[in-house]
Amino acid sequence: NNFQNNYPNCTEIEGNVTIAGEDITNLNGLSVLTSIGGALTINGDWGVTNSNLTSLTGLDNLTSIGGDLKIGTWAFGNPSLASLTGLDNVTTIEGNLYIESNNNLVSLTGLNNLSYLGGDLKMGHLHSDGVTEFYAFGNDLLTDLSALSNLDTIYGNISIADNNSLTSLAGLNITHINGNLQIGSNNSLVSITELGFLNAVGGNLKIAGNHSLTSLDGLQNLSSIAGGLWIGKYLSDVGFVGNASLTSLTGLDNLTSVGGSLNIVGNDSMTNLTGLENVTSVGGLSVRYNAALTSLSGLDNITFIEGGLWTQGNISLISLSGLENVTSIGGGLGIRGNTALTSLTGLDNLTSIGGNFYTLHNDALTSFTGLENLTSIGGYLMIGGTNFNYGNPVLTSLTGLDNVASIGGDLTIRYNISLATCEVQSICDYLISTNGVIEIHDNAPGCNSQSQVEAACLNTIVEEINGAGKYSIYPNPVTDIATFSSEEITSFEIYDMTGTLIMRRNSNKVDMSNLNPGIYFVIGFDKNSYPLYKGKVIKNN
């Protein structure tokens, strides 16, 4: 109240201004101020509230704030403040805008002339994502954002969360956000159509916990997200939080690229991913705990996933249809807890996985059909988890993995109680080369130990094409020289696993001492070059 008497002719304050105290009822004494060089804080410090402050009238001549504008704090705000009238002439905030714990604030009227915000615009119960931010937290009566209509570019981040009466984003005419956009836990929010001008997000886009939101209409002009896209998310204290009423991703129809990971998490009403048809590249893909999701239709134009692909806990997912054009995954592939998934059809064109590949707790998965074109796994291969609860209980064979020529890490096959047939070519090759730790146990007989699988591989290794057992080669496996059982065989050819001819000799004995360990194809001919024998031979160290 004594500001004008104590500081006559003072219209500008170069530093910070804090307004806090139980006895403050108005700000009339600050009516001469036109600019504040630092931050303006209108809130109680810890243990202090501005409980009697009902209006910001008195700041009417203020036009610019060089730092942050903070109205309320996380714990102590301005409980009697009903509007922001008094800030009507503020056009510029160089820093951030925080609006927290103002339980009677029903609108942002008073910020109508704000045209420049140098920091973040954040509304809700969220922690800082950067050096600058805008907080509007716990404003339970706030119903709209119409006073922000003059802002078209946000140079920092926007977060709008935990505003229980907010029904729309009316007032956000934003075309570009340099940072992140987060819209979370606004229980009455039914529409985001007011984001129709937005064409690019420079950081992450997160939409989660908005239980009344039924559509993403309003994002039709959004073409790129430099960071990640989260439709739903995981919170360590509450688990997976989606958008309970959201049925599809229609509204994202013009989105073509997601620089970070694309995450679809905990959306219980979503049945497919329609709306993402124009997305061609993603930094990663995570689809988890969407209870009604039956397929991945909508991802049809993605050909390469730079990071990993993870599907988990989608209890209605019956196929991976929608991923048919994915040829390569730069990271890992994880398929876990999709209890209705019977095969991996949909990954038919996948040729390489850069990281680890695991499948566990898929209660209906019977085979790996769909992976016939997969040739390389950069990391480990794990089939089954840490106990019987995390096995694949009806998996009977590893058919589909036959053509995997290289596995870069360990091999684990365990707790698959119906799995009796493991002797596909890729597994037999791995057992010979031994590139890592091998763990095979608690499966059905025939695949219940490493020795059982090795025996099964050996039993299928020789395939005679004539003679019904008349011709054979021994010893097999061989360390140096193998011999055909019949003198009728006078010459032979040896091919590697790619079909390349590596040796041709006129002899009944096969000298393999100079060959690398592995599996080879051998053809034995009679004196007229007629093939009498065709089979596979294991070369040991």
Protein backbone atom coordinates (compact mmCIF):
# COMPACT_ATOMS: atom_id res chain seq x y z
CA ASN A 1 0.00 0.00 0.00
CA ASN A 2 2.92 2.35 0.63
CA PHE A 3 4.80 1.52 -2.56
CA GLN A 4 4.10 4.85 -4.27
CA ASN A 5 5.08 6.82 -1.15
CA ASN A 6 8.25 4.81 -0.60
CA TYR A 7 9.27 4.76 -4.27
CA PRO A 8 7.87 7.89 -5.93
CA ASN A 9 7.99 7.95 -9.74
CA CYS A 10 9.00 4.27 -9.86
CA THR A 11 7.24 2.60 -12.80
CA GLU A 12 9.70 -0.20 -13.48
CA ILE A 13 11.25 -2.82 -11.20
CA GLU A 14 14.36 -4.46 -12.63
CA GLY A 15 14.33 -7.53 -10.39
CA ASN A 16 11.77 -9.95 -9.00
CA VAL A 17 8.50 -9.10 -7.27
CA THR A 18 6.79 -11.40 -4.75
CA ILE A 19 3.32 -10.73 -3.36
CA ALA A 20 2.50 -12.92 -0.36
CA GLY A 21 0.71 -12.42 2.94
CA GLU A 22 -2.52 -13.07 4.81
CA ASP A 23 -3.19 -9.34 5.19
CA ILE A 24 -3.05 -8.45 1.48
CA THR A 25 -6.53 -7.59 0.18
CA ASN A 26 -5.72 -5.63 -3.01
CA LEU A 27 -2.83 -4.54 -5.24
CA ASN A 28 -3.89 -0.93 -5.74
CA GLY A 29 -0.57 0.37 -4.49
CA LEU A 30 1.19 -1.14 -7.54
CA SER A 31 -0.95 0.69 -10.08
CA VAL A 32 2.02 2.78 -11.31
CA LEU A 33 4.04 -0.25 -12.44
CA THR A 34 4.42 -0.73 -16.20
CA SER A 35 7.13 -3.41 -16.30
CA ILE A 36 8.92 -5.94 -14.11
CA GLY A 37 12.36 -7.06 -15.27
CA GLY A 38 12.39 -10.31 -13.33
CA ALA A 39 9.70 -12.69 -12.14
CA LEU A 40 6.31 -11.76 -10.72
CA THR A 41 5.12 -14.20 -8.07
CA ILE A 42 1.63 -13.91 -6.60
CA ASN A 43 1.34 -16.71 -4.12
CA GLY A 44 1.89 -17.85 -0.60
CA ASP A 45 5.30 -19.09 0.35
CA TRP A 46 5.37 -22.39 2.23
CA GLY A 47 2.84 -22.01 5.04
CA VAL A 48 1.47 -18.68 3.75
CA THR A 49 -1.48 -18.06 1.43
CA ASN A 50 -2.98 -14.93 -0.06
CA SER A 51 -6.31 -15.99 1.39
CA ASN A 52 -7.88 -12.49 1.24
CA LEU A 53 -6.74 -11.52 -2.25
CA THR A 54 -9.79 -11.58 -4.53
CA SER A 55 -8.55 -9.59 -7.52
CA LEU A 56 -5.38 -8.56 -9.38
CA THR A 57 -6.78 -5.09 -9.98
CA GLY A 58 -3.93 -2.68 -9.38
CA LEU A 59 -1.65 -4.27 -11.97
CA ASP A 60 -3.67 -2.73 -14.79
CA ASN A 61 -0.75 -0.70 -16.19
CA LEU A 62 1.67 -3.62 -16.27
CA THR A 63 2.60 -4.53 -19.88
CA SER A 64 5.63 -6.81 -19.65
CA ILE A 65 7.28 -9.33 -17.31
CA GLY A 66 10.92 -10.21 -17.95
CA GLY A 67 10.86 -13.51 -16.09
CA ASP A 68 8.19 -15.94 -14.94
CA LEU A 69 4.64 -15.15 -13.92
CA LYS A 70 3.63 -17.39 -11.03
CA ILE A 71 0.10 -17.28 -9.67
CA GLY A 72 -0.02 -19.76 -6.82
CA THR A 73 2.33 -22.59 -5.88
CA TRP A 74 1.97 -26.36 -5.74
CA ALA A 75 0.79 -26.30 -2.12
CA PHE A 76 -0.33 -22.73 -1.39
CA GLY A 77 -2.24 -20.55 -3.80
CA ASN A 78 -4.77 -17.77 -3.88
CA PRO A 79 -7.97 -19.48 -2.71
CA SER A 80 -10.21 -16.41 -3.13
CA LEU A 81 -8.98 -15.36 -6.57
CA ALA A 82 -11.78 -15.77 -9.13
CA SER A 83 -10.21 -14.22 -12.25
CA LEU A 84 -6.99 -12.72 -13.59
CA THR A 85 -8.56 -9.36 -14.33
CA GLY A 86 -5.91 -6.74 -13.72
CA LEU A 87 -3.38 -8.33 -16.07
CA ASP A 88 -5.32 -7.13 -19.10
CA ASN A 89 -2.48 -5.01 -20.52
CA VAL A 90 0.25 -7.64 -20.18
CA THR A 91 1.36 -8.54 -23.70
CA THR A 92 4.73 -10.16 -23.01
CA ILE A 93 6.03 -12.77 -20.56
CA GLU A 94 9.64 -13.64 -21.30
CA GLY A 95 9.66 -16.65 -19.00
CA ASN A 96 7.01 -19.11 -17.90
CA LEU A 97 3.43 -18.90 -16.70
CA TYR A 98 2.46 -20.88 -13.59
CA ILE A 99 -1.14 -20.98 -12.36
CA GLU A 100 -1.51 -23.32 -9.38
CA SER A 101 -3.90 -24.09 -6.53
CA ASN A 102 -6.36 -21.31 -7.23
CA ASN A 103 -9.48 -23.25 -6.38
CA ASN A 104 -11.99 -20.47 -7.19
CA LEU A 105 -10.45 -19.48 -10.53
CA VAL A 106 -13.09 -20.08 -13.20
CA SER A 107 -11.40 -18.50 -16.25
CA LEU A 108 -8.18 -16.95 -17.48
CA THR A 109 -9.87 -13.66 -18.29
CA GLY A 110 -7.26 -10.99 -17.87
CA LEU A 111 -4.69 -12.66 -20.13
CA ASN A 112 -6.59 -11.78 -23.29
CA ASN A 113 -3.85 -9.49 -24.64
CA LEU A 114 -0.97 -11.85 -23.98
CA SER A 115 0.70 -12.37 -27.36
CA TYR A 116 4.19 -13.57 -26.44
CA LEU A 117 5.24 -16.28 -24.00
CA GLY A 118 8.94 -17.06 -24.03
CA GLY A 119 8.79 -20.15 -21.87
CA ASP A 120 6.41 -23.02 -21.26
CA LEU A 121 2.63 -23.00 -21.02
CA LYS A 122 1.75 -25.68 -18.51
CA MET A 123 -1.62 -26.20 -16.87
CA GLY A 124 -1.87 -28.96 -14.33
CA HIS A 125 -0.36 -31.21 -11.74
CA LEU A 126 2.87 -31.99 -13.59
CA HIS A 127 6.52 -31.46 -12.75
CA SER A 128 8.88 -29.30 -14.79
CA ASP A 129 10.09 -30.68 -18.11
CA GLY A 130 12.54 -27.89 -18.79
CA VAL A 131 14.16 -24.72 -17.60
CA THR A 132 11.00 -22.74 -18.18
CA GLU A 133 7.36 -23.68 -17.81
CA PHE A 134 3.77 -22.56 -17.33
CA TYR A 135 1.82 -24.13 -14.48
CA ALA A 136 -1.94 -24.06 -14.04
CA PHE A 137 -2.40 -26.75 -11.43
CA GLY A 138 -5.42 -27.78 -9.40
CA ASN A 139 -7.72 -25.08 -10.70
CA ASP A 140 -10.81 -27.19 -10.14
CA LEU A 141 -13.34 -24.65 -11.43
CA LEU A 142 -11.45 -23.61 -14.58
CA THR A 143 -13.73 -24.32 -17.55
CA ASP A 144 -12.00 -22.78 -20.60
CA LEU A 145 -8.81 -21.19 -21.93
CA SER A 146 -10.42 -18.55 -24.12
CA ALA A 147 -8.29 -15.74 -22.71
CA LEU A 148 -5.19 -17.23 -24.41
CA SER A 149 -6.55 -16.77 -27.92
CA ASN A 150 -3.82 -14.30 -28.97
CA LEU A 151 -1.03 -16.85 -28.48
CA ASP A 152 -0.16 -18.65 -31.73
CA THR A 153 3.35 -19.94 -30.95
CA ILE A 154 4.65 -21.46 -27.72
CA TYR A 155 8.43 -21.39 -27.48
CA GLY A 156 8.54 -23.84 -24.62
CA ASN A 157 6.14 -26.54 -23.44
CA ILE A 158 2.40 -26.73 -22.84
CA SER A 159 0.90 -28.94 -20.17
CA ILE A 160 -2.81 -28.93 -19.37
CA ALA A 161 -3.64 -31.39 -16.61
CA ASP A 162 -5.75 -32.07 -13.52
CA ASN A 163 -8.25 -29.31 -14.28
CA ASN A 164 -11.40 -31.22 -13.41
CA SER A 165 -13.94 -28.75 -14.82
CA LEU A 166 -12.17 -28.07 -18.11
CA THR A 167 -14.45 -29.25 -20.93
CA SER A 168 -12.64 -27.89 -24.00
CA LEU A 169 -9.45 -26.19 -25.14
CA ALA A 170 -11.31 -23.19 -26.53
CA GLY A 171 -8.86 -20.31 -26.71
CA LEU A 172 -5.82 -22.26 -27.90
CA ASN A 173 -5.24 -20.99 -31.44
CA ILE A 174 -1.70 -22.33 -31.48
CA THR A 175 -0.02 -23.28 -34.76
CA HIS A 176 3.39 -24.39 -33.50
CA ILE A 177 4.87 -25.66 -30.23
CA ASN A 178 8.64 -25.76 -29.94
CA GLY A 179 8.56 -28.04 -26.92
CA ASN A 180 6.17 -30.65 -25.52
CA LEU A 181 2.37 -30.71 -25.48
CA GLN A 182 0.78 -32.64 -22.62
CA ILE A 183 -2.95 -32.99 -22.05
CA GLY A 184 -3.59 -35.18 -19.05
CA SER A 185 -6.16 -36.12 -16.42
CA ASN A 186 -8.74 -33.48 -17.29
CA ASN A 187 -11.75 -35.56 -16.33
CA SER A 188 -14.39 -33.39 -18.04
CA LEU A 189 -12.50 -32.74 -21.28
CA VAL A 190 -14.64 -34.09 -24.13
CA SER A 191 -13.01 -32.46 -27.15
CA ILE A 192 -9.70 -31.07 -28.42
CA THR A 193 -11.09 -29.68 -31.68
CA GLU A 194 -9.69 -26.27 -30.75
CA LEU A 195 -6.19 -27.54 -31.67
CA GLY A 196 -7.18 -27.44 -35.33
CA PHE A 197 -4.49 -24.86 -36.19
CA LEU A 198 -1.63 -26.92 -34.79
CA ASN A 199 0.70 -28.23 -37.52
CA ALA A 200 3.89 -29.24 -35.68
CA VAL A 201 5.12 -30.25 -32.23
CA GLY A 202 8.84 -29.81 -31.62
CA GLY A 203 8.93 -32.16 -28.63
CA ASN A 204 6.62 -34.86 -27.31
CA LEU A 205 2.83 -35.07 -27.57
CA LYS A 206 1.18 -36.80 -24.60
CA ILE A 207 -2.57 -37.32 -24.24
CA ALA A 208 -3.46 -39.48 -21.24
CA GLY A 209 -6.01 -39.90 -18.47
CA ASN A 210 -8.74 -37.81 -20.10
CA HIS A 211 -11.59 -40.19 -19.36
CA SER A 212 -14.32 -38.25 -21.20
CA LEU A 213 -12.33 -37.70 -24.40
CA THR A 214 -13.90 -39.69 -27.24
CA SER A 215 -11.97 -38.43 -30.26
CA LEU A 216 -8.72 -36.80 -31.38
CA ASP A 217 -10.56 -34.63 -33.89
CA GLY A 218 -8.75 -31.31 -33.92
CA LEU A 219 -5.32 -32.69 -34.75
CA GLN A 220 -6.04 -33.06 -38.48
CA ASN A 221 -3.41 -30.45 -39.44
CA LEU A 222 -0.66 -32.01 -37.37
CA SER A 223 1.88 -33.51 -39.79
CA SER A 224 4.97 -34.12 -37.67
CA ILE A 225 6.03 -34.77 -34.10
CA ALA A 226 9.76 -34.41 -33.51
CA GLY A 227 9.64 -36.32 -30.24
CA GLY A 228 7.43 -39.16 -29.09
CA LEU A 229 3.66 -39.63 -29.24
CA TRP A 230 1.90 -41.02 -26.17
CA ILE A 231 -1.79 -41.87 -26.30
CA GLY A 232 -1.91 -43.07 -22.71
CA LYS A 233 1.16 -43.56 -20.53
CA TYR A 234 2.64 -45.42 -17.58
CA LEU A 235 2.84 -43.81 -14.14
CA SER A 236 4.91 -45.60 -11.52
CA ASP A 237 2.44 -44.88 -8.72
CA VAL A 238 -0.83 -45.79 -10.49
CA GLY A 239 0.17 -47.96 -13.47
CA PHE A 240 -1.08 -47.59 -17.03
CA VAL A 241 -3.31 -44.55 -17.61
CA GLY A 242 -5.10 -44.26 -20.94
CA ASN A 243 -8.11 -42.40 -22.27
CA ALA A 244 -11.00 -44.66 -21.29
CA SER A 245 -13.55 -43.44 -23.86
CA LEU A 246 -11.23 -43.06 -26.87
CA THR A 247 -12.22 -45.60 -29.56
CA SER A 248 -9.79 -44.76 -32.38
CA LEU A 249 -6.97 -42.44 -33.42
CA THR A 250 -8.99 -40.70 -36.10
CA GLY A 251 -7.84 -37.09 -36.09
CA LEU A 252 -4.18 -37.98 -36.62
CA ASP A 253 -4.87 -38.72 -40.29
CA ASN A 254 -2.26 -36.29 -41.65
CA LEU A 255 0.53 -37.30 -39.30
CA THR A 256 3.42 -38.75 -41.33
CA SER A 257 6.33 -39.07 -38.92
CA VAL A 258 7.04 -39.55 -35.22
CA GLY A 259 10.68 -38.92 -34.38
CA GLY A 260 10.50 -40.67 -31.04
CA SER A 261 8.51 -43.65 -29.89
CA LEU A 262 4.83 -44.14 -30.76
CA ASN A 263 3.08 -45.34 -27.60
CA ILE A 264 -0.53 -46.55 -27.43
CA VAL A 265 -1.14 -47.47 -23.79
CA GLY A 266 -4.14 -48.32 -21.60
CA ASN A 267 -6.99 -47.19 -23.88
CA ASP A 268 -9.70 -49.68 -22.93
CA SER A 269 -12.21 -48.76 -25.67
CA MET A 270 -9.82 -48.71 -28.63
CA THR A 271 -10.35 -51.60 -31.09
CA ASN A 272 -7.85 -50.65 -33.82
CA LEU A 273 -5.30 -47.98 -34.70
CA THR A 274 -7.25 -46.37 -37.52
CA GLY A 275 -6.02 -42.80 -38.00
CA LEU A 276 -2.33 -43.60 -38.31
CA GLU A 277 -2.46 -44.76 -41.94
CA ASN A 278 -0.15 -41.98 -43.18
CA VAL A 279 2.60 -42.58 -40.64
CA THR A 280 5.61 -44.01 -42.48
CA SER A 281 8.37 -43.80 -39.88
CA VAL A 282 8.56 -44.04 -36.09
CA GLY A 283 11.43 -44.06 -33.63
CA GLY A 284 9.86 -47.00 -31.79
CA LEU A 285 6.47 -48.63 -31.29
CA SER A 286 4.86 -49.67 -28.01
CA VAL A 287 1.30 -51.03 -27.86
CA ARG A 288 0.41 -52.07 -24.33
CA TYR A 289 -2.66 -52.83 -22.20
CA ASN A 290 -5.39 -51.82 -24.64
CA ALA A 291 -8.09 -54.27 -23.55
CA ALA A 292 -10.35 -54.09 -26.64
CA LEU A 293 -7.65 -53.86 -29.33
CA THR A 294 -8.02 -56.75 -31.80
CA SER A 295 -5.48 -55.80 -34.49
CA LEU A 296 -2.82 -53.24 -35.36
CA SER A 297 -4.63 -52.07 -38.48
CA GLY A 298 -3.71 -48.46 -39.12
CA LEU A 299 0.05 -49.01 -39.07
CA ASP A 300 0.05 -50.39 -42.61
CA ASN A 301 2.49 -47.87 -44.13
CA ILE A 302 5.29 -48.25 -41.60
CA THR A 303 8.24 -50.06 -43.20
CA PHE A 304 11.01 -49.47 -40.67
CA ILE A 305 10.99 -49.06 -36.90
CA GLU A 306 14.16 -47.38 -35.74
CA GLY A 307 13.86 -48.52 -32.14
CA GLY A 308 11.99 -51.44 -30.62
CA LEU A 309 8.54 -52.94 -31.15
CA TRP A 310 6.71 -53.98 -27.98
CA THR A 311 3.22 -55.48 -27.65
CA GLN A 312 2.12 -56.32 -24.13
CA GLY A 313 -1.09 -57.06 -22.25
CA ASN A 314 -3.47 -56.55 -25.17
CA ILE A 315 -5.84 -59.32 -24.11
CA SER A 316 -8.10 -59.13 -27.22
CA LEU A 317 -5.32 -58.91 -29.80
CA ILE A 318 -5.76 -61.88 -32.14
CA SER A 319 -3.22 -60.95 -34.84
CA LEU A 320 -0.44 -58.53 -35.69
CA SER A 321 -2.26 -57.55 -38.86
CA GLY A 322 -1.23 -54.02 -39.78
CA LEU A 323 2.52 -54.63 -39.61
CA GLU A 324 2.77 -56.41 -42.98
CA ASN A 325 5.06 -53.76 -44.48
CA VAL A 326 7.59 -53.69 -41.64
CA THR A 327 10.82 -55.20 -42.99
CA SER A 328 13.28 -54.22 -40.28
CA ILE A 329 13.28 -53.39 -36.57
CA GLY A 330 16.34 -51.50 -35.37
CA GLY A 331 15.84 -52.38 -31.71
CA GLY A 332 14.23 -55.33 -29.98
CA LEU A 333 10.95 -57.17 -30.48
CA GLY A 334 8.91 -58.09 -27.41
CA ILE A 335 5.60 -59.99 -27.50
CA ARG A 336 4.22 -60.50 -24.01
CA GLY A 337 0.91 -61.19 -22.33
CA ASN A 338 -1.23 -61.02 -25.47
CA THR A 339 -3.46 -63.86 -24.33
CA ALA A 340 -5.57 -64.20 -27.52
CA LEU A 341 -2.69 -64.07 -30.02
CA THR A 342 -2.39 -67.41 -31.88
CA SER A 343 0.41 -66.65 -34.37
CA LEU A 344 2.73 -63.87 -35.50
CA THR A 345 1.05 -63.46 -38.85
CA GLY A 346 1.39 -59.81 -39.78
CA LEU A 347 5.17 -59.83 -39.45
CA ASP A 348 5.48 -61.82 -42.69
CA ASN A 349 7.95 -59.41 -44.32
CA LEU A 350 10.17 -58.87 -41.29
CA THR A 351 13.77 -59.85 -42.12
CA SER A 352 15.84 -58.49 -39.23
CA ILE A 353 15.64 -57.59 -35.55
CA GLY A 354 18.52 -55.44 -34.35
CA GLY A 355 18.13 -56.18 -30.65
CA ASN A 356 16.64 -58.87 -28.44
CA PHE A 357 13.58 -60.97 -29.31
CA TYR A 358 11.37 -62.40 -26.59
CA THR A 359 7.94 -64.03 -26.43
CA LEU A 360 6.41 -64.90 -23.09
CA HIS A 361 3.01 -65.32 -21.42
CA ASN A 362 1.12 -65.56 -24.72
CA ASP A 363 -1.51 -68.12 -23.72
CA ALA A 364 -2.85 -68.88 -27.23
CA LEU A 365 0.37 -68.77 -29.28
CA THR A 366 0.92 -72.16 -30.97
CA SER A 367 3.81 -71.40 -33.35
CA PHE A 368 5.95 -68.67 -34.84
CA THR A 369 4.12 -68.76 -38.15
CA GLY A 370 4.53 -65.33 -39.73
CA LEU A 371 8.28 -65.06 -39.18
CA GLU A 372 9.37 -67.23 -42.12
CA ASN A 373 11.35 -64.34 -43.66
CA LEU A 374 13.23 -63.46 -40.47
CA THR A 375 16.95 -64.11 -41.00
CA SER A 376 18.76 -62.32 -38.17
CA ILE A 377 18.36 -61.46 -34.50
CA GLY A 378 21.01 -59.09 -33.19
CA GLY A 379 20.54 -59.89 -29.50
CA TYR A 380 19.22 -62.81 -27.50
CA LEU A 381 16.29 -65.08 -28.32
CA MET A 382 14.04 -65.83 -25.32
CA ILE A 383 10.98 -68.07 -25.58
CA GLY A 384 9.29 -68.24 -22.16
CA GLY A 385 9.84 -66.20 -19.01
CA THR A 386 11.15 -66.76 -15.50
CA ASN A 387 8.55 -69.36 -14.40
CA PHE A 388 5.56 -71.33 -15.68
CA ASN A 389 3.30 -68.28 -15.36
CA TYR A 390 5.33 -66.56 -18.04
CA GLY A 391 5.67 -69.42 -20.50
CA ASN A 392 3.71 -69.92 -23.71
CA PRO A 393 1.53 -72.85 -22.58
CA VAL A 394 0.13 -74.04 -25.95
CA LEU A 395 3.23 -73.41 -28.07
CA THR A 396 3.98 -76.75 -29.75
CA SER A 397 6.78 -75.98 -32.21
CA LEU A 398 9.21 -73.30 -33.31
CA THR A 399 8.05 -73.48 -36.91
CA GLY A 400 8.44 -70.02 -38.40
CA LEU A 401 11.94 -69.50 -37.02
CA ASP A 402 13.49 -71.94 -39.52
CA ASN A 403 15.32 -69.31 -41.60
CA VAL A 404 17.01 -67.34 -38.83
CA ALA A 405 20.67 -67.60 -39.85
CA SER A 406 22.17 -65.64 -36.96
CA ILE A 407 21.36 -65.06 -33.30
CA GLY A 408 23.73 -62.57 -31.71
CA GLY A 409 23.10 -63.32 -28.04
CA ASP A 410 21.98 -66.06 -25.68
CA LEU A 411 19.32 -68.70 -26.39
CA THR A 412 16.61 -69.34 -23.79
CA ILE A 413 13.69 -71.78 -24.24
CA ARG A 414 11.86 -72.53 -21.00
CA TYR A 415 8.49 -73.07 -19.26
CA ASN A 416 6.59 -73.87 -22.47
CA ILE A 417 4.74 -76.97 -21.30
CA SER A 418 3.48 -78.07 -24.76
CA LEU A 419 6.67 -77.38 -26.70
CA ALA A 420 8.11 -80.69 -27.90
CA THR A 421 9.52 -79.75 -31.31
CA CYS A 422 12.47 -77.36 -31.20
CA GLU A 423 14.72 -78.85 -33.88
CA VAL A 424 14.14 -76.17 -36.52
CA GLN A 425 17.19 -75.29 -38.60
CA SER A 426 18.01 -72.05 -36.78
CA ILE A 427 18.09 -73.72 -33.36
CA CYS A 428 20.16 -76.67 -34.62
CA ASP A 429 22.66 -74.26 -36.16
CA TYR A 430 22.90 -72.25 -32.95
CA LEU A 431 23.56 -75.35 -30.84
CA ILE A 432 26.55 -76.12 -33.04
CA SER A 433 27.99 -72.61 -33.20
CA THR A 434 27.31 -71.82 -29.51
CA ASN A 435 27.35 -68.02 -29.72
CA GLY A 436 26.18 -67.54 -26.15
CA VAL A 437 24.63 -69.09 -23.06
CA ILE A 438 22.09 -71.85 -23.78
CA GLU A 439 19.18 -72.44 -21.37
CA ILE A 440 16.62 -75.08 -22.37
CA HIS A 441 14.39 -76.64 -19.71
CA ASP A 442 10.84 -77.14 -18.39
CA ASN A 443 9.34 -77.72 -21.82
CA ALA A 444 7.65 -80.88 -23.12
CA PRO A 445 9.72 -84.04 -23.73
CA GLY A 446 11.79 -83.61 -26.86
CA CYS A 447 12.63 -80.03 -25.98
CA ASN A 448 13.19 -80.34 -22.27
CA SER A 449 16.97 -80.00 -22.33
CA GLN A 450 19.80 -79.01 -24.60
CA SER A 451 20.77 -82.65 -25.11
CA GLN A 452 17.23 -83.58 -26.17
CA VAL A 453 17.20 -80.85 -28.82
CA GLU A 454 20.67 -81.81 -30.06
CA ALA A 455 19.53 -85.42 -30.43
CA ALA A 456 16.43 -84.32 -32.33
CA CYS A 457 18.59 -82.18 -34.62
CA LEU A 458 20.86 -85.15 -35.33
CA ASN A 459 17.92 -87.45 -36.09
CA THR A 460 16.71 -85.11 -38.81
CA ILE A 461 20.12 -84.19 -40.16
CA VAL A 462 20.37 -86.89 -42.86
CA GLU A 463 17.78 -87.07 -45.60
CA GLU A 464 18.48 -89.83 -48.11
CA ILE A 465 16.98 -89.44 -51.55
CA ASN A 466 17.46 -93.04 -52.67
CA GLY A 467 18.10 -96.47 -51.24
CA ALA A 468 15.76 -96.43 -48.19
CA GLY A 469 18.67 -96.54 -45.77
CA LYS A 470 21.17 -98.12 -48.18
CA TYR A 471 23.46 -95.09 -48.20
CA SER A 472 24.82 -93.08 -45.29
CA ILE A 473 27.85 -91.06 -44.23
CA TYR A 474 29.84 -91.56 -41.05
CA PRO A 475 30.84 -90.33 -38.59
CA ASN A 476 28.24 -87.60 -38.32
CA PRO A 477 29.02 -85.23 -36.66
CA VAL A 478 32.56 -85.27 -38.07
CA THR A 479 35.82 -83.62 -37.02
CA ASP A 480 37.97 -84.31 -40.10
CA ILE A 481 37.14 -87.14 -42.53
CA ALA A 482 33.74 -88.72 -43.20
CA THR A 483 33.20 -91.77 -45.39
CA PHE A 484 30.25 -92.86 -47.50
CA SER A 485 28.92 -96.28 -46.55
CA SER A 486 28.92 -97.58 -50.14
CA GLU A 487 31.68 -97.80 -52.75
CA GLU A 488 29.03 -96.97 -55.33
CA ILE A 489 29.46 -93.32 -54.37
CA THR A 490 32.57 -92.12 -56.21
CA SER A 491 32.29 -88.31 -56.03
CA PHE A 492 30.64 -85.64 -53.93
CA GLU A 493 29.78 -81.95 -53.64
CA ILE A 494 29.59 -79.86 -50.44
CA TYR A 495 27.41 -76.74 -50.10
CA ASP A 496 27.16 -74.29 -47.21
CA MET A 497 23.87 -73.17 -45.68
CA THR A 498 23.41 -70.43 -48.28
CA GLY A 499 23.59 -72.99 -51.11
CA THR A 500 27.07 -71.96 -52.25
CA LEU A 501 29.24 -74.78 -53.63
CA ILE A 502 32.43 -74.90 -51.59
CA MET A 503 33.95 -78.27 -52.57
CA ARG A 504 33.77 -80.89 -55.36
CA ARG A 505 35.91 -84.07 -55.24
CA ASN A 506 36.18 -87.47 -56.93
CA SER A 507 36.42 -89.60 -53.82
CA ASN A 508 34.45 -91.81 -51.46
CA LYS A 509 35.90 -89.95 -48.49
CA VAL A 510 34.95 -86.40 -47.49
CA ASP A 511 37.80 -84.38 -45.95
CA MET A 512 36.17 -81.58 -43.92
CA SER A 513 39.14 -80.79 -41.69
CA ASN A 514 39.64 -77.32 -43.18
CA LEU A 515 35.99 -76.28 -42.99
CA ASN A 516 34.55 -74.08 -40.26
CA PRO A 517 32.21 -75.69 -37.73
CA GLY A 518 28.61 -75.75 -38.89
CA ILE A 519 26.06 -77.63 -40.95
CA TYR A 520 26.75 -78.50 -44.59
CA PHE A 521 24.81 -80.10 -47.42
CA VAL A 522 26.52 -83.10 -49.04
CA ILE A 523 25.53 -84.79 -52.31
CA GLY A 524 27.10 -88.13 -53.24
CA PHE A 525 27.18 -89.30 -56.91
CA ASP A 526 27.82 -92.62 -58.61
CA LYS A 527 30.25 -93.05 -61.53
CA ASN A 528 27.60 -91.80 -63.94
CA SER A 529 27.09 -88.60 -61.88
CA TYR A 530 23.71 -89.84 -60.69
CA PRO A 531 22.92 -88.61 -57.13
CA LEU A 532 22.57 -91.48 -54.68
CA TYR A 533 22.71 -89.50 -51.45
CA LYS A 534 21.71 -86.05 -50.29
CA GLY A 535 21.96 -85.03 -46.68
CA LYS A 536 23.37 -82.75 -44.03
CA VAL A 537 26.58 -83.20 -42.12
CA ILE A 538 27.63 -81.48 -38.91
CA LYS A 539 31.23 -80.28 -38.80
CA ASN A 540 32.53 -80.06 -35.22
CA ASN A 541 35.54 -78.11 -33.99
